[in-house]
């Protein structure tokens, strides 16, 4: 399978349509300005390697960020990619959007889409049994992400989350 990857740097983070939070068209080439936004979009293999490829792509997209942000993003992305492979159909696509905030923090949005599934998705993470070998993916996402959503359908499934780090509150504290 041939993999396509695209990165874009832009002031507005234009690769994602933030009003609908759905992937939009990727520009043919990226550009850089003072806005501090980077987006990586890549196809994932439809198979057991999806999580590994997704983790590696996140490491590239978040190169130079703090270790705990990278670790959380890699774990979340691995879970979302695994769920997409296990429950969905091809194609699997990963989008990582990194933005610098004016208060000095970082915001990362991670989206994994697939070709859809026939089973309805749970509206919340299922309660997992301690001894179960699977079924904790959305519980992990919910625990680590500042916000997340899962939208399923027969023609496409979209798992999205947001991580923020270092954002200052109005009184100057974290």
Protein backbone atom coordinates (compact mmCIF):
# COMPACT_ATOMS: atom_id res chain seq x y z
CA UNK A 1 0.00 0.00 0.00
CA UNK A 2 1.31 3.44 -0.90
CA UNK A 3 1.24 5.98 1.90
CA UNK A 4 0.72 9.69 1.35
CA UNK A 5 1.84 12.25 3.88
CA UNK A 6 1.38 15.99 3.74
CA UNK A 7 2.49 18.68 6.14
CA UNK A 8 1.44 22.27 6.16
CA UNK A 9 2.47 25.21 8.28
CA UNK A 10 0.05 28.08 8.39
CA UNK A 11 -1.14 30.85 10.61
CA UNK A 12 -4.75 29.69 10.73
CA UNK A 13 -4.26 25.92 10.82
CA UNK A 14 -6.22 25.79 7.58
CA UNK A 15 -6.00 22.05 7.05
CA UNK A 16 -8.81 21.45 9.53
CA UNK A 17 -12.14 23.18 9.24
CA UNK A 18 -12.41 24.11 12.90
CA UNK A 19 -16.09 25.07 12.68
CA UNK A 20 -17.08 21.51 11.80
CA UNK A 21 -13.89 19.85 13.07
CA UNK A 22 -13.66 17.79 9.91
CA UNK A 23 -10.59 17.33 7.72
CA UNK A 24 -10.51 19.75 4.81
CA UNK A 25 -8.40 19.82 1.66
CA UNK A 26 -4.68 19.86 2.18
CA UNK A 27 -2.75 22.50 0.26
CA UNK A 28 -0.35 21.12 -2.33
CA UNK A 29 2.55 22.57 -0.41
CA UNK A 30 2.91 24.17 2.99
CA UNK A 31 4.12 27.57 3.99
CA UNK A 32 5.44 29.06 7.19
CA UNK A 33 4.59 32.33 8.86
CA UNK A 34 4.64 33.67 12.42
CA UNK A 35 1.41 31.93 13.45
CA UNK A 36 3.05 28.75 14.72
CA UNK A 37 0.71 26.10 13.29
CA UNK A 38 1.79 22.77 11.80
CA UNK A 39 -0.46 20.08 10.36
CA UNK A 40 0.50 16.56 9.34
CA UNK A 41 -1.91 14.35 7.40
CA UNK A 42 -0.98 10.80 6.49
CA UNK A 43 -2.62 7.60 5.31
CA UNK A 44 -2.31 4.72 7.76
CA UNK A 45 -1.99 1.11 6.67
CA UNK A 46 -5.17 -0.88 7.10
CA UNK A 47 -3.69 -3.59 9.28
CA UNK A 48 -1.93 -4.30 12.56
CA UNK A 49 0.82 -1.75 11.72
CA UNK A 50 -1.67 1.18 11.81
CA UNK A 51 -0.90 2.04 15.45
CA UNK A 52 2.87 1.88 14.96
CA UNK A 53 2.77 4.10 11.87
CA UNK A 54 0.45 6.53 13.68
CA UNK A 55 2.78 6.75 16.72
CA UNK A 56 5.76 7.43 14.46
CA UNK A 57 3.86 10.13 12.55
CA UNK A 58 2.90 11.87 15.81
CA UNK A 59 6.54 11.80 16.91
CA UNK A 60 7.47 13.60 13.68
CA UNK A 61 4.62 16.13 13.94
CA UNK A 62 5.37 16.94 17.59
CA UNK A 63 9.17 16.84 17.38
CA UNK A 64 10.63 19.23 19.95
CA UNK A 65 7.57 19.37 22.22
CA UNK A 66 7.68 18.42 25.88
CA UNK A 67 7.99 14.70 26.62
CA UNK A 68 4.68 14.30 28.50
CA UNK A 69 2.72 15.89 25.64
CA UNK A 70 4.44 13.63 23.12
CA UNK A 71 3.84 10.53 25.27
CA UNK A 72 0.14 11.32 25.74
CA UNK A 73 -0.34 12.13 22.06
CA UNK A 74 1.40 8.92 20.96
CA UNK A 75 -0.69 6.78 23.31
CA UNK A 76 -3.96 8.42 22.27
CA UNK A 77 -3.09 8.15 18.58
CA UNK A 78 -2.18 4.50 18.98
CA UNK A 79 -5.55 3.79 20.58
CA UNK A 80 -7.50 5.71 17.93
CA UNK A 81 -5.63 4.00 15.07
CA UNK A 82 -6.14 0.57 16.64
CA UNK A 83 -9.86 1.23 17.03
CA UNK A 84 -10.11 2.43 13.41
CA UNK A 85 -8.46 -0.75 12.15
CA UNK A 86 -10.39 -3.07 14.48
CA UNK A 87 -13.82 -1.50 13.94
CA UNK A 88 -13.69 0.34 10.65
CA UNK A 89 -12.90 -0.06 6.98
CA UNK A 90 -10.18 1.51 4.86
CA UNK A 91 -9.00 4.13 4.24
CA UNK A 92 -7.49 5.11 7.59
CA UNK A 93 -6.24 8.71 7.76
CA UNK A 94 -4.41 10.50 10.58
CA UNK A 95 -4.36 14.29 11.00
CA UNK A 96 -2.21 15.98 13.66
CA UNK A 97 -2.62 19.73 14.07
CA UNK A 98 -0.17 21.55 16.38
CA UNK A 99 -0.74 25.22 17.24
CA UNK A 100 1.19 27.59 19.46
CA UNK A 101 -1.08 29.60 21.73
CA UNK A 102 -0.60 33.30 22.40
CA UNK A 103 -0.18 32.58 26.14
CA UNK A 104 2.82 30.38 25.37
CA UNK A 105 1.05 27.04 25.45
CA UNK A 106 0.51 24.39 22.82
CA UNK A 107 -2.68 22.85 21.47
CA UNK A 108 -2.69 19.55 19.60
CA UNK A 109 -5.68 18.15 17.74
CA UNK A 110 -5.55 14.53 16.63
CA UNK A 111 -8.10 13.10 14.21
CA UNK A 112 -8.30 9.54 12.89
CA UNK A 113 -10.87 8.75 10.23
CA UNK A 114 -11.80 5.48 8.58
CA UNK A 115 -14.20 4.28 5.91
CA UNK A 116 -17.03 3.54 8.35
CA UNK A 117 -18.45 0.64 10.25
CA UNK A 118 -21.71 -1.23 10.42
CA UNK A 119 -21.92 -1.32 14.25
CA UNK A 120 -23.08 1.78 16.14
CA UNK A 121 -20.42 3.33 18.39
CA UNK A 122 -20.87 3.86 22.10
CA UNK A 123 -21.65 7.44 23.13
CA UNK A 124 -19.23 7.10 26.03
CA UNK A 125 -16.27 4.83 26.80
CA UNK A 126 -17.37 1.38 27.91
CA UNK A 127 -16.54 0.32 31.44
CA UNK A 128 -13.58 -2.01 31.08
CA UNK A 129 -12.89 -5.01 33.20
CA UNK A 130 -9.51 -5.02 34.92
CA UNK A 131 -8.40 -8.29 33.31
CA UNK A 132 -9.63 -7.53 29.79
CA UNK A 133 -6.97 -7.39 27.06
CA UNK A 134 -8.89 -4.82 25.02
CA UNK A 135 -11.69 -2.31 25.40
CA UNK A 136 -9.79 0.44 27.20
CA UNK A 137 -8.97 2.65 24.20
CA UNK A 138 -11.69 5.27 24.62
CA UNK A 139 -11.23 5.22 28.41
CA UNK A 140 -7.57 6.13 27.86
CA UNK A 141 -8.50 8.86 25.38
CA UNK A 142 -11.06 10.30 27.80
CA UNK A 143 -8.53 10.27 30.66
CA UNK A 144 -5.73 12.00 28.73
CA UNK A 145 -7.50 14.38 26.35
CA UNK A 146 -8.90 17.79 27.26
CA UNK A 147 -11.76 17.19 24.80
CA UNK A 148 -12.71 14.33 22.46
CA UNK A 149 -15.48 13.08 20.24
CA UNK A 150 -16.38 10.00 18.25
CA UNK A 151 -18.71 10.16 15.27
CA UNK A 152 -19.60 6.93 13.50
CA UNK A 153 -21.50 6.04 10.40
CA UNK A 154 -21.69 3.51 7.63
CA UNK A 155 -19.71 5.82 5.31
CA UNK A 156 -17.11 7.09 7.75
CA UNK A 157 -15.97 7.19 11.35
CA UNK A 158 -14.14 10.12 12.91
CA UNK A 159 -12.34 10.06 16.27
CA UNK A 160 -11.02 13.44 17.39
CA UNK A 161 -9.31 14.79 20.50
CA UNK A 162 -7.55 17.90 21.77
CA UNK A 163 -4.60 18.15 24.14
CA UNK A 164 -3.43 21.46 25.60
CA UNK A 165 -0.26 22.15 27.52
CA UNK A 166 1.23 25.21 29.14
CA UNK A 167 -1.79 27.45 28.64
CA UNK A 168 -1.95 30.23 31.19
CA UNK A 169 -5.19 31.18 32.91
CA UNK A 170 -6.36 34.80 33.16
CA UNK A 171 -4.58 35.23 36.51
CA UNK A 172 -1.25 34.02 35.03
CA UNK A 173 -1.24 30.52 36.56
CA UNK A 174 -1.29 27.19 34.72
